[in-house]
Amino acid sequence: MVSLDSDRLEQLYRQLGDAGAENVVCRALEELAARLSHTERCYRANELFDMRKNARSLIAIAEQIGMQKLAGVASDVTKCIDDEDWVALAATLARLLRIGESSLYEIWDLQDYSI
């Protein structure tokens, strides 16, 4: 089960109103999906510098909309790159992609029910 910080989402809705928060969440979801895909492409192309940069941006976006678990795993990916632990990187990237996909589905479901 993926965990979302519903308090963070509620705070976003209180600050920005329904329309503003939905706009921010939708843009963040689109960006997360694009960056997850790009991170995987970077890994396959062995572009580790770009992969690390992309994973770092995933952290900020995920935290903005309450996806703490996704942010944590993206941080683990950057650590694996920094530590040059290629076996752990492969496993952690797979985990990032699984959690990323699950997180995106979960937050879409929440939006369908109007937070």
PDB file of N, CA and C in Angstrom:
ATOM      1  N   MET A   1       0.841  -1.190   0.000  1.00  0.00           N
ATOM      2  CA  MET A   1       0.000   0.000   0.000  1.00  0.00           C
ATOM      3  C   MET A   1       0.877   1.241   0.000  1.00  0.00           C
ATOM      4  N   VAL A   2       0.513   2.168  -0.828  1.00  0.00           N
ATOM      5  CA  VAL A   2       1.227   3.429  -0.930  1.00  0.00           C
ATOM      6  C   VAL A   2       0.619   4.386   0.078  1.00  0.00           C
ATOM      7  N   SER A   3       1.468   5.167   0.718  1.00  0.00           N
ATOM      8  CA  SER A   3       0.924   6.115   1.694  1.00  0.00           C
ATOM      9  C   SER A   3       1.045   7.532   1.164  1.00  0.00           C
ATOM     10  N   LEU A   4      -0.053   8.236   1.235  1.00  0.00           N
ATOM     11  CA  LEU A   4      -0.080   9.644   0.876  1.00  0.00           C
ATOM     12  C   LEU A   4      -0.291  10.456   2.143  1.00  0.00           C
ATOM     13  N   ASP A   5       0.328  11.591   2.196  1.00  0.00           N
ATOM     14  CA  ASP A   5       0.144  12.492   3.320  1.00  0.00           C
ATOM     15  C   ASP A   5      -1.099  13.332   3.039  1.00  0.00           C
ATOM     16  N   SER A   6      -2.242  12.840   3.510  1.00  0.00           N
ATOM     17  CA  SER A   6      -3.506  13.536   3.238  1.00  0.00           C
ATOM     18  C   SER A   6      -3.522  14.918   3.892  1.00  0.00           C
ATOM     19  N   ASP A   7      -2.800  15.084   4.991  1.00  0.00           N
ATOM     20  CA  ASP A   7      -2.717  16.409   5.617  1.00  0.00           C
ATOM     21  C   ASP A   7      -2.070  17.417   4.664  1.00  0.00           C
ATOM     22  N   ARG A   8      -1.036  16.960   3.962  1.00  0.00           N
ATOM     23  CA  ARG A   8      -0.349  17.840   3.010  1.00  0.00           C
ATOM     24  C   ARG A   8      -1.300  18.236   1.879  1.00  0.00           C
ATOM     25  N   LEU A   9      -2.071  17.262   1.383  1.00  0.00           N
ATOM     26  CA  LEU A   9      -3.028  17.555   0.321  1.00  0.00           C
ATOM     27  C   LEU A   9      -4.124  18.506   0.803  1.00  0.00           C
ATOM     28  N   GLU A  10      -4.624  18.266   2.002  1.00  0.00           N
ATOM     29  CA  GLU A  10      -5.660  19.144   2.549  1.00  0.00           C
ATOM     30  C   GLU A  10      -5.130  20.567   2.711  1.00  0.00           C
ATOM     31  N   GLN A  11      -3.896  20.687   3.174  1.00  0.00           N
ATOM     32  CA  GLN A  11      -3.268  22.001   3.328  1.00  0.00           C
ATOM     33  C   GLN A  11      -3.176  22.708   1.977  1.00  0.00           C
ATOM     34  N   LEU A  12      -2.809  21.954   0.958  1.00  0.00           N
ATOM     35  CA  LEU A  12      -2.720  22.507  -0.383  1.00  0.00           C
ATOM     36  C   LEU A  12      -4.082  23.022  -0.855  1.00  0.00           C
ATOM     37  N   TYR A  13      -5.131  22.237  -0.591  1.00  0.00           N
ATOM     38  CA  TYR A  13      -6.482  22.638  -0.986  1.00  0.00           C
ATOM     39  C   TYR A  13      -6.963  23.859  -0.201  1.00  0.00           C
ATOM     40  N   ARG A  14      -6.597  23.919   1.081  1.00  0.00           N
ATOM     41  CA  ARG A  14      -6.982  25.085   1.886  1.00  0.00           C
ATOM     42  C   ARG A  14      -6.275  26.351   1.386  1.00  0.00           C
ATOM     43  N   GLN A  15      -5.003  26.222   1.067  1.00  0.00           N
ATOM     44  CA  GLN A  15      -4.213  27.379   0.636  1.00  0.00           C
ATOM     45  C   GLN A  15      -4.619  27.882  -0.743  1.00  0.00           C
ATOM     46  N   LEU A  16      -4.885  26.951  -1.658  1.00  0.00           N
ATOM     47  CA  LEU A  16      -5.080  27.321  -3.057  1.00  0.00           C
ATOM     48  C   LEU A  16      -6.523  27.250  -3.538  1.00  0.00           C
ATOM     49  N   GLY A  17      -7.403  26.697  -2.701  1.00  0.00           N
ATOM     50  CA  GLY A  17      -8.771  26.469  -3.154  1.00  0.00           C
ATOM     51  C   GLY A  17      -8.825  25.230  -4.040  1.00  0.00           C
ATOM     52  N   ASP A  18     -10.026  24.782  -4.301  1.00  0.00           N
ATOM     53  CA  ASP A  18     -10.183  23.537  -5.058  1.00  0.00           C
ATOM     54  C   ASP A  18      -9.537  23.610  -6.441  1.00  0.00           C
ATOM     55  N   ALA A  19      -9.876  24.638  -7.192  1.00  0.00           N
ATOM     56  CA  ALA A  19      -9.371  24.743  -8.565  1.00  0.00           C
ATOM     57  C   ALA A  19      -7.848  24.890  -8.591  1.00  0.00           C
ATOM     58  N   GLY A  20      -7.319  25.734  -7.732  1.00  0.00           N
ATOM     59  CA  GLY A  20      -5.871  25.943  -7.697  1.00  0.00           C
ATOM     60  C   GLY A  20      -5.116  24.698  -7.287  1.00  0.00           C
ATOM     61  N   ALA A  21      -5.620  24.020  -6.258  1.00  0.00           N
ATOM     62  CA  ALA A  21      -4.955  22.807  -5.784  1.00  0.00           C
ATOM     63  C   ALA A  21      -5.037  21.701  -6.825  1.00  0.00           C
ATOM     64  N   GLU A  22      -6.191  21.558  -7.453  1.00  0.00           N
ATOM     65  CA  GLU A  22      -6.320  20.532  -8.493  1.00  0.00           C
ATOM     66  C   GLU A  22      -5.369  20.807  -9.647  1.00  0.00           C
ATOM     67  N   ASN A  23      -5.187  22.066  -9.979  1.00  0.00           N
ATOM     68  CA  ASN A  23      -4.247  22.431 -11.030  1.00  0.00           C
ATOM     69  C   ASN A  23      -2.816  22.055 -10.640  1.00  0.00           C
ATOM     70  N   VAL A  24      -2.438  22.381  -9.406  1.00  0.00           N
ATOM     71  CA  VAL A  24      -1.090  22.050  -8.926  1.00  0.00           C
ATOM     72  C   VAL A  24      -0.887  20.533  -8.896  1.00  0.00           C
ATOM     73  N   VAL A  25      -1.866  19.813  -8.379  1.00  0.00           N
ATOM     74  CA  VAL A  25      -1.755  18.350  -8.279  1.00  0.00           C
ATOM     75  C   VAL A  25      -1.673  17.728  -9.670  1.00  0.00           C
ATOM     76  N   CYS A  26      -2.516  18.182 -10.582  1.00  0.00           N
ATOM     77  CA  CYS A  26      -2.491  17.626 -11.947  1.00  0.00           C
ATOM     78  C   CYS A  26      -1.148  17.877 -12.629  1.00  0.00           C
ATOM     79  N   ARG A  27      -0.645  19.086 -12.500  1.00  0.00           N
ATOM     80  CA  ARG A  27       0.667  19.392 -13.096  1.00  0.00           C
ATOM     81  C   ARG A  27       1.764  18.560 -12.445  1.00  0.00           C
ATOM     82  N   ALA A  28       1.690  18.396 -11.133  1.00  0.00           N
ATOM     83  CA  ALA A  28       2.695  17.595 -10.427  1.00  0.00           C
ATOM     84  C   ALA A  28       2.626  16.132 -10.869  1.00  0.00           C
ATOM     85  N   LEU A  29       1.430  15.609 -11.030  1.00  0.00           N
ATOM     86  CA  LEU A  29       1.287  14.220 -11.474  1.00  0.00           C
ATOM     87  C   LEU A  29       1.851  14.019 -12.871  1.00  0.00           C
ATOM     88  N   GLU A  30       1.569  14.956 -13.752  1.00  0.00           N
ATOM     89  CA  GLU A  30       2.123  14.876 -15.106  1.00  0.00           C
ATOM     90  C   GLU A  30       3.648  14.915 -15.066  1.00  0.00           C
ATOM     91  N   GLU A  31       4.171  15.809 -14.244  1.00  0.00           N
ATOM     92  CA  GLU A  31       5.628  15.947 -14.134  1.00  0.00           C
ATOM     93  C   GLU A  31       6.246  14.695 -13.512  1.00  0.00           C
ATOM     94  N   LEU A  32       5.604  14.149 -12.495  1.00  0.00           N
ATOM     95  CA  LEU A  32       6.111  12.916 -11.879  1.00  0.00           C
ATOM     96  C   LEU A  32       6.152  11.776 -12.891  1.00  0.00           C
ATOM     97  N   ALA A  33       5.087  11.623 -13.642  1.00  0.00           N
ATOM     98  CA  ALA A  33       5.039  10.545 -14.638  1.00  0.00           C
ATOM     99  C   ALA A  33       6.160  10.722 -15.662  1.00  0.00           C
ATOM    100  N   ALA A  34       6.356  11.945 -16.134  1.00  0.00           N
ATOM    101  CA  ALA A  34       7.404  12.210 -17.118  1.00  0.00           C
ATOM    102  C   ALA A  34       8.792  11.955 -16.530  1.00  0.00           C
ATOM    103  N   ARG A  35       8.992  12.384 -15.294  1.00  0.00           N
ATOM    104  CA  ARG A  35      10.314  12.224 -14.677  1.00  0.00           C
ATOM    105  C   ARG A  35      10.612  10.767 -14.307  1.00  0.00           C
ATOM    106  N   LEU A  36       9.592  10.037 -13.908  1.00  0.00           N
ATOM    107  CA  LEU A  36       9.797   8.603 -13.651  1.00  0.00           C
ATOM    108  C   LEU A  36      10.241   7.898 -14.927  1.00  0.00           C
ATOM    109  N   SER A  37       9.574   8.208 -16.012  1.00  0.00           N
ATOM    110  CA  SER A  37       9.919   7.616 -17.302  1.00  0.00           C
ATOM    111  C   SER A  37      11.328   8.025 -17.729  1.00  0.00           C
ATOM    112  N   HIS A  38      11.649   9.298 -17.540  1.00  0.00           N
ATOM    113  CA  HIS A  38      12.980   9.789 -17.914  1.00  0.00           C
ATOM    114  C   HIS A  38      14.066   9.153 -17.041  1.00  0.00           C
ATOM    115  N   THR A  39      13.776   8.977 -15.768  1.00  0.00           N
ATOM    116  CA  THR A  39      14.744   8.338 -14.879  1.00  0.00           C
ATOM    117  C   THR A  39      15.064   6.927 -15.351  1.00  0.00           C
ATOM    118  N   GLU A  40      14.045   6.194 -15.746  1.00  0.00           N
ATOM    119  CA  GLU A  40      14.260   4.837 -16.257  1.00  0.00           C
ATOM    120  C   GLU A  40      15.072   4.865 -17.558  1.00  0.00           C
ATOM    121  N   ARG A  41      14.758   5.797 -18.451  1.00  0.00           N
ATOM    122  CA  ARG A  41      15.513   5.909 -19.704  1.00  0.00           C
ATOM    123  C   ARG A  41      16.983   6.238 -19.433  1.00  0.00           C
ATOM    124  N   CYS A  42      17.226   7.124 -18.477  1.00  0.00           N
ATOM    125  CA  CYS A  42      18.602   7.476 -18.123  1.00  0.00           C
ATOM    126  C   CYS A  42      19.358   6.254 -17.614  1.00  0.00           C
ATOM    127  N   TYR A  43      18.695   5.458 -16.808  1.00  0.00           N
ATOM    128  CA  TYR A  43      19.327   4.243 -16.275  1.00  0.00           C
ATOM    129  C   TYR A  43      19.716   3.315 -17.428  1.00  0.00           C
ATOM    130  N   ARG A  44      18.793   3.091 -18.347  1.00  0.00           N
ATOM    131  CA  ARG A  44      19.041   2.183 -19.469  1.00  0.00           C
ATOM    132  C   ARG A  44      20.158   2.702 -20.378  1.00  0.00           C
ATOM    133  N   ALA A  45      20.308   4.026 -20.463  1.00  0.00           N
ATOM    134  CA  ALA A  45      21.346   4.631 -21.290  1.00  0.00           C
ATOM    135  C   ALA A  45      22.633   4.874 -20.510  1.00  0.00           C
ATOM    136  N   ASN A  46      22.639   4.499 -19.224  1.00  0.00           N
ATOM    137  CA  ASN A  46      23.786   4.691 -18.346  1.00  0.00           C
ATOM    138  C   ASN A  46      24.178   6.164 -18.216  1.00  0.00           C
ATOM    139  N   GLU A  47      23.174   7.037 -18.194  1.00  0.00           N
ATOM    140  CA  GLU A  47      23.372   8.473 -18.012  1.00  0.00           C
ATOM    141  C   GLU A  47      23.105   8.807 -16.545  1.00  0.00           C
ATOM    142  N   LEU A  48      24.052   8.431 -15.698  1.00  0.00           N
ATOM    143  CA  LEU A  48      23.833   8.485 -14.253  1.00  0.00           C
ATOM    144  C   LEU A  48      23.764   9.903 -13.699  1.00  0.00           C
ATOM    145  N   PHE A  49      24.504  10.823 -14.289  1.00  0.00           N
ATOM    146  CA  PHE A  49      24.439  12.206 -13.817  1.00  0.00           C
ATOM    147  C   PHE A  49      23.027  12.751 -14.029  1.00  0.00           C
ATOM    148  N   ASP A  50      22.490  12.559 -15.221  1.00  0.00           N
ATOM    149  CA  ASP A  50      21.143  13.025 -15.522  1.00  0.00           C
ATOM    150  C   ASP A  50      20.109  12.258 -14.706  1.00  0.00           C
ATOM    151  N   MET A  51      20.360  10.979 -14.501  1.00  0.00           N
ATOM    152  CA  MET A  51      19.447  10.167 -13.692  1.00  0.00           C
ATOM    153  C   MET A  51      19.379  10.700 -12.263  1.00  0.00           C
ATOM    154  N   ARG A  52      20.521  11.014 -11.698  1.00  0.00           N
ATOM    155  CA  ARG A  52      20.566  11.540 -10.331  1.00  0.00           C
ATOM    156  C   ARG A  52      19.834  12.871 -10.237  1.00  0.00           C
ATOM    157  N   LYS A  53      20.090  13.755 -11.208  1.00  0.00           N
ATOM    158  CA  LYS A  53      19.444  15.064 -11.238  1.00  0.00           C
ATOM    159  C   LYS A  53      17.919  14.896 -11.319  1.00  0.00           C
ATOM    160  N   ASN A  54      17.482  13.976 -12.140  1.00  0.00           N
ATOM    161  CA  ASN A  54      16.058  13.725 -12.311  1.00  0.00           C
ATOM    162  C   ASN A  54      15.436  13.156 -11.037  1.00  0.00           C
ATOM    163  N   ALA A  55      16.130  12.230 -10.394  1.00  0.00           N
ATOM    164  CA  ALA A  55      15.633  11.647  -9.141  1.00  0.00           C
ATOM    165  C   ALA A  55      15.522  12.719  -8.062  1.00  0.00           C
ATOM    166  N   ARG A  56      16.472  13.642  -8.017  1.00  0.00           N
ATOM    167  CA  ARG A  56      16.408  14.748  -7.042  1.00  0.00           C
ATOM    168  C   ARG A  56      15.167  15.613  -7.281  1.00  0.00           C
ATOM    169  N   SER A  57      14.846  15.852  -8.532  1.00  0.00           N
ATOM    170  CA  SER A  57      13.653  16.662  -8.811  1.00  0.00           C
ATOM    171  C   SER A  57      12.378  15.909  -8.443  1.00  0.00           C
ATOM    172  N   LEU A  58      12.401  14.582  -8.561  1.00  0.00           N
ATOM    173  CA  LEU A  58      11.258  13.771  -8.135  1.00  0.00           C
ATOM    174  C   LEU A  58      10.960  13.978  -6.655  1.00  0.00           C
ATOM    175  N   ILE A  59      12.004  14.112  -5.862  1.00  0.00           N
ATOM    176  CA  ILE A  59      11.844  14.291  -4.415  1.00  0.00           C
ATOM    177  C   ILE A  59      11.020  15.544  -4.131  1.00  0.00           C
ATOM    178  N   ALA A  60      11.405  16.655  -4.723  1.00  0.00           N
ATOM    179  CA  ALA A  60      10.722  17.932  -4.461  1.00  0.00           C
ATOM    180  C   ALA A  60       9.264  17.891  -4.920  1.00  0.00           C
ATOM    181  N   ILE A  61       9.027  17.336  -6.081  1.00  0.00           N
ATOM    182  CA  ILE A  61       7.662  17.281  -6.610  1.00  0.00           C
ATOM    183  C   ILE A  61       6.801  16.370  -5.748  1.00  0.00           C
ATOM    184  N   ALA A  62       7.327  15.204  -5.404  1.00  0.00           N
ATOM    185  CA  ALA A  62       6.575  14.246  -4.587  1.00  0.00           C
ATOM    186  C   ALA A  62       6.243  14.834  -3.215  1.00  0.00           C
ATOM    187  N   GLU A  63       7.188  15.512  -2.604  1.00  0.00           N
ATOM    188  CA  GLU A  63       6.938  16.116  -1.290  1.00  0.00           C
ATOM    189  C   GLU A  63       5.874  17.201  -1.371  1.00  0.00           C
ATOM    190  N   GLN A  64       5.838  17.930  -2.477  1.00  0.00           N
ATOM    191  CA  GLN A  64       4.873  19.024  -2.638  1.00  0.00           C
ATOM    192  C   GLN A  64       3.438  18.518  -2.533  1.00  0.00           C
ATOM    193  N   ILE A  65       3.188  17.300  -3.015  1.00  0.00           N
ATOM    194  CA  ILE A  65       1.806  16.800  -3.021  1.00  0.00           C
ATOM    195  C   ILE A  65       1.598  15.626  -2.061  1.00  0.00           C
ATOM    196  N   GLY A  66       2.519  15.451  -1.115  1.00  0.00           N
ATOM    197  CA  GLY A  66       2.308  14.494  -0.039  1.00  0.00           C
ATOM    198  C   GLY A  66       2.680  13.057  -0.338  1.00  0.00           C
ATOM    199  N   MET A  67       3.541  12.841  -1.309  1.00  0.00           N
ATOM    200  CA  MET A  67       3.991  11.486  -1.636  1.00  0.00           C
ATOM    201  C   MET A  67       5.342  11.218  -0.978  1.00  0.00           C
ATOM    202  N   GLN A  68       5.306  11.073   0.350  1.00  0.00           N
ATOM    203  CA  GLN A  68       6.544  10.948   1.114  1.00  0.00           C
ATOM    204  C   GLN A  68       7.309   9.663   0.791  1.00  0.00           C
ATOM    205  N   LYS A  69       6.600   8.572   0.602  1.00  0.00           N
ATOM    206  CA  LYS A  69       7.283   7.309   0.302  1.00  0.00           C
ATOM    207  C   LYS A  69       8.019   7.399  -1.027  1.00  0.00           C
ATOM    208  N   LEU A  70       7.369   7.976  -2.014  1.00  0.00           N
ATOM    209  CA  LEU A  70       8.005   8.147  -3.320  1.00  0.00           C
ATOM    210  C   LEU A  70       9.240   9.037  -3.197  1.00  0.00           C
ATOM    211  N   ALA A  71       9.118  10.105  -2.433  1.00  0.00           N
ATOM    212  CA  ALA A  71      10.258  11.004  -2.220  1.00  0.00           C
ATOM    213  C   ALA A  71      11.414  10.262  -1.551  1.00  0.00           C
ATOM    214  N   GLY A  72      11.093   9.418  -0.580  1.00  0.00           N
ATOM    215  CA  GLY A  72      12.125   8.658   0.118  1.00  0.00           C
ATOM    216  C   GLY A  72      12.853   7.682  -0.788  1.00  0.00           C
ATOM    217  N   VAL A  73      12.117   7.013  -1.638  1.00  0.00           N
ATOM    218  CA  VAL A  73      12.754   6.046  -2.545  1.00  0.00           C
ATOM    219  C   VAL A  73      13.572   6.769  -3.609  1.00  0.00           C
ATOM    220  N   ALA A  74      13.094   7.918  -4.073  1.00  0.00           N
ATOM    221  CA  ALA A  74      13.884   8.714  -5.016  1.00  0.00           C
ATOM    222  C   ALA A  74      15.196   9.157  -4.357  1.00  0.00           C
ATOM    223  N   SER A  75      15.141   9.472  -3.086  1.00  0.00           N
ATOM    224  CA  SER A  75      16.354   9.812  -2.341  1.00  0.00           C
ATOM    225  C   SER A  75      17.296   8.605  -2.252  1.00  0.00           C
ATOM    226  N   ASP A  76      16.716   7.430  -2.057  1.00  0.00           N
ATOM    227  CA  ASP A  76      17.532   6.207  -2.025  1.00  0.00           C
ATOM    228  C   ASP A  76      18.227   5.971  -3.367  1.00  0.00           C
ATOM    229  N   VAL A  77      17.545   6.290  -4.461  1.00  0.00           N
ATOM    230  CA  VAL A  77      18.153   6.150  -5.791  1.00  0.00           C
ATOM    231  C   VAL A  77      19.382   7.049  -5.898  1.00  0.00           C
ATOM    232  N   THR A  78      19.255   8.295  -5.451  1.00  0.00           N
ATOM    233  CA  THR A  78      20.406   9.200  -5.528  1.00  0.00           C
ATOM    234  C   THR A  78      21.557   8.698  -4.662  1.00  0.00           C
ATOM    235  N   LYS A  79      21.229   8.117  -3.519  1.00  0.00           N
ATOM    236  CA  LYS A  79      22.278   7.574  -2.644  1.00  0.00           C
ATOM    237  C   LYS A  79      23.004   6.405  -3.314  1.00  0.00           C
ATOM    238  N   CYS A  80      22.254   5.544  -3.972  1.00  0.00           N
ATOM    239  CA  CYS A  80      22.873   4.413  -4.679  1.00  0.00           C
ATOM    240  C   CYS A  80      23.838   4.915  -5.757  1.00  0.00           C
ATOM    241  N   ILE A  81      23.443   5.969  -6.462  1.00  0.00           N
ATOM    242  CA  ILE A  81      24.329   6.542  -7.484  1.00  0.00           C
ATOM    243  C   ILE A  81      25.565   7.131  -6.824  1.00  0.00           C
ATOM    244  N   ASP A  82      25.363   7.890  -5.744  1.00  0.00           N
ATOM    245  CA  ASP A  82      26.490   8.504  -5.035  1.00  0.00           C
ATOM    246  C   ASP A  82      27.456   7.451  -4.497  1.00  0.00           C
ATOM    247  N   ASP A  83      26.888   6.329  -4.020  1.00  0.00           N
ATOM    248  CA  ASP A  83      27.712   5.255  -3.453  1.00  0.00           C
ATOM    249  C   ASP A  83      28.283   4.320  -4.509  1.00  0.00           C
ATOM    250  N   GLU A  84      27.885   4.537  -5.782  1.00  0.00           N
ATOM    251  CA  GLU A  84      28.292   3.681  -6.891  1.00  0.00           C
ATOM    252  C   GLU A  84      27.945   2.220  -6.617  1.00  0.00           C
ATOM    253  N   ASP A  85      26.782   2.016  -6.038  1.00  0.00           N
ATOM    254  CA  ASP A  85      26.281   0.672  -5.732  1.00  0.00           C
ATOM    255  C   ASP A  85      25.281   0.291  -6.821  1.00  0.00           C
ATOM    256  N   TRP A  86      25.802  -0.319  -7.877  1.00  0.00           N
ATOM    257  CA  TRP A  86      25.006  -0.568  -9.075  1.00  0.00           C
ATOM    258  C   TRP A  86      23.955  -1.658  -8.877  1.00  0.00           C
ATOM    259  N   VAL A  87      24.248  -2.642  -8.047  1.00  0.00           N
ATOM    260  CA  VAL A  87      23.249  -3.679  -7.765  1.00  0.00           C
ATOM    261  C   VAL A  87      22.073  -3.069  -6.995  1.00  0.00           C
ATOM    262  N   ALA A  88      22.399  -2.298  -5.975  1.00  0.00           N
ATOM    263  CA  ALA A  88      21.344  -1.642  -5.200  1.00  0.00           C
ATOM    264  C   ALA A  88      20.575  -0.645  -6.065  1.00  0.00           C
ATOM    265  N   LEU A  89      21.273   0.021  -6.973  1.00  0.00           N
ATOM    266  CA  LEU A  89      20.605   0.977  -7.851  1.00  0.00           C
ATOM    267  C   LEU A  89      19.541   0.281  -8.701  1.00  0.00           C
ATOM    268  N   ALA A  90      19.868  -0.855  -9.262  1.00  0.00           N
ATOM    269  CA  ALA A  90      18.900  -1.582 -10.092  1.00  0.00           C
ATOM    270  C   ALA A  90      17.659  -1.944  -9.276  1.00  0.00           C
ATOM    271  N   ALA A  91      17.879  -2.443  -8.076  1.00  0.00           N
ATOM    272  CA  ALA A  91      16.754  -2.839  -7.222  1.00  0.00           C
ATOM    273  C   ALA A  91      15.955  -1.625  -6.752  1.00  0.00           C
ATOM    274  N   THR A  92      16.635  -0.562  -6.402  1.00  0.00           N
ATOM    275  CA  THR A  92      15.972   0.635  -5.886  1.00  0.00           C
ATOM    276  C   THR A  92      15.212   1.357  -6.993  1.00  0.00           C
ATOM    277  N   LEU A  93      15.769   1.356  -8.196  1.00  0.00           N
ATOM    278  CA  LEU A  93      15.051   1.948  -9.322  1.00  0.00           C
ATOM    279  C   LEU A  93      13.760   1.170  -9.589  1.00  0.00           C
ATOM    280  N   ALA A  94      13.835  -0.146  -9.548  1.00  0.00           N
ATOM    281  CA  ALA A  94      12.625  -0.957  -9.747  1.00  0.00           C
ATOM    282  C   ALA A  94      11.578  -0.612  -8.686  1.00  0.00           C
ATOM    283  N   ARG A  95      12.023  -0.444  -7.457  1.00  0.00           N
ATOM    284  CA  ARG A  95      11.107  -0.063  -6.374  1.00  0.00           C
ATOM    285  C   ARG A  95      10.520   1.332  -6.621  1.00  0.00           C
ATOM    286  N   LEU A  96      11.356   2.260  -7.061  1.00  0.00           N
ATOM    287  CA  LEU A  96      10.889   3.616  -7.367  1.00  0.00           C
ATOM    288  C   LEU A  96       9.789   3.580  -8.426  1.00  0.00           C
ATOM    289  N   LEU A  97       9.999   2.798  -9.465  1.00  0.00           N
ATOM    290  CA  LEU A  97       9.008   2.740 -10.538  1.00  0.00           C
ATOM    291  C   LEU A  97       7.707   2.101 -10.057  1.00  0.00           C
ATOM    292  N   ARG A  98       7.804   1.060  -9.235  1.00  0.00           N
ATOM    293  CA  ARG A  98       6.590   0.426  -8.690  1.00  0.00           C
ATOM    294  C   ARG A  98       5.823   1.390  -7.789  1.00  0.00           C
ATOM    295  N   ILE A  99       6.538   2.031  -6.874  1.00  0.00           N
ATOM    296  CA  ILE A  99       5.890   2.954  -5.940  1.00  0.00           C
ATOM    297  C   ILE A  99       5.378   4.184  -6.688  1.00  0.00           C
ATOM    298  N   GLY A 100       6.125   4.635  -7.665  1.00  0.00           N
ATOM    299  CA  GLY A 100       5.678   5.771  -8.459  1.00  0.00           C
ATOM    300  C   GLY A 100       4.370   5.487  -9.165  1.00  0.00           C
ATOM    301  N   GLU A 101       4.286   4.346  -9.798  1.00  0.00           N
ATOM    302  CA  GLU A 101       3.048   3.977 -10.494  1.00  0.00           C
ATOM    303  C   GLU A 101       1.891   3.847  -9.507  1.00  0.00           C
ATOM    304  N   SER A 102       2.120   3.170  -8.399  1.00  0.00           N
ATOM    305  CA  SER A 102       1.069   3.008  -7.391  1.00  0.00           C
ATOM    306  C   SER A 102       0.641   4.348  -6.808  1.00  0.00           C
ATOM    307  N   SER A 103       1.596   5.224  -6.570  1.00  0.00           N
ATOM    308  CA  SER A 103       1.291   6.544  -6.014  1.00  0.00           C
ATOM    309  C   SER A 103       0.455   7.367  -6.982  1.00  0.00           C
ATOM    310  N   LEU A 104       0.808   7.306  -8.253  1.00  0.00           N
ATOM    311  CA  LEU A 104       0.054   8.060  -9.251  1.00  0.00           C
ATOM    312  C   LEU A 104      -1.384   7.569  -9.324  1.00  0.00           C
ATOM    313  N   TYR A 105      -1.569   6.251  -9.305  1.00  0.00           N
ATOM    314  CA  TYR A 105      -2.931   5.704  -9.322  1.00  0.00           C
ATOM    315  C   TYR A 105      -3.707   6.114  -8.073  1.00  0.00           C
ATOM    316  N   GLU A 106      -3.049   6.046  -6.931  1.00  0.00           N
ATOM    317  CA  GLU A 106      -3.741   6.356  -5.677  1.00  0.00           C
ATOM    318  C   GLU A 106      -4.187   7.803  -5.625  1.00  0.00           C
ATOM    319  N   ILE A 107      -3.322   8.710  -6.033  1.00  0.00           N
ATOM    320  CA  ILE A 107      -3.709  10.121  -5.950  1.00  0.00           C
ATOM    321  C   ILE A 107      -4.763  10.454  -6.999  1.00  0.00           C
ATOM    322  N   TRP A 108      -4.733   9.800  -8.142  1.00  0.00           N
ATOM    323  CA  TRP A 108      -5.794  10.005  -9.135  1.00  0.00           C
ATOM    324  C   TRP A 108      -7.125   9.546  -8.562  1.00  0.00           C
ATOM    325  N   ASP A 109      -7.102   8.398  -7.869  1.00  0.00           N
ATOM    326  CA  ASP A 109      -8.326   7.894  -7.253  1.00  0.00           C
ATOM    327  C   ASP A 109      -8.862   8.882  -6.216  1.00  0.00           C
ATOM    328  N   LEU A 110      -7.979   9.459  -5.415  1.00  0.00           N
ATOM    329  CA  LEU A 110      -8.402  10.439  -4.426  1.00  0.00           C
ATOM    330  C   LEU A 110      -9.034  11.644  -5.095  1.00  0.00           C
ATOM    331  N   GLN A 111      -8.455  12.084  -6.196  1.00  0.00           N
ATOM    332  CA  GLN A 111      -9.001  13.241  -6.896  1.00  0.00           C
ATOM    333  C   GLN A 111     -10.381  12.932  -7.445  1.00  0.00           C
ATOM    334  N   ASP A 112     -10.594  11.697  -7.883  1.00  0.00           N
ATOM    335  CA  ASP A 112     -11.904  11.303  -8.395  1.00  0.00           C
ATOM    336  C   ASP A 112     -12.972  11.457  -7.332  1.00  0.00           C
ATOM    337  N   TYR A 113     -12.585  11.326  -6.061  1.00  0.00           N
ATOM    338  CA  TYR A 113     -13.536  11.436  -4.967  1.00  0.00           C
ATOM    339  C   TYR A 113     -13.479  12.794  -4.288  1.00  0.00           C
ATOM    340  N   SER A 114     -12.810  13.739  -4.906  1.00  0.00           N
ATOM    341  CA  SER A 114     -12.675  15.105  -4.390  1.00  0.00           C
ATOM    342  C   SER A 114     -12.237  15.114  -2.938  1.00  0.00           C
ATOM    343  N   ILE A 115     -10.974  15.336  -2.762  1.00  0.00           N
ATOM    344  CA  ILE A 115     -10.351  15.313  -1.440  1.00  0.00           C
ATOM    345  C   ILE A 115     -11.081  16.219  -0.488  1.00  0.00           C
TER     346      ILE A 115
END
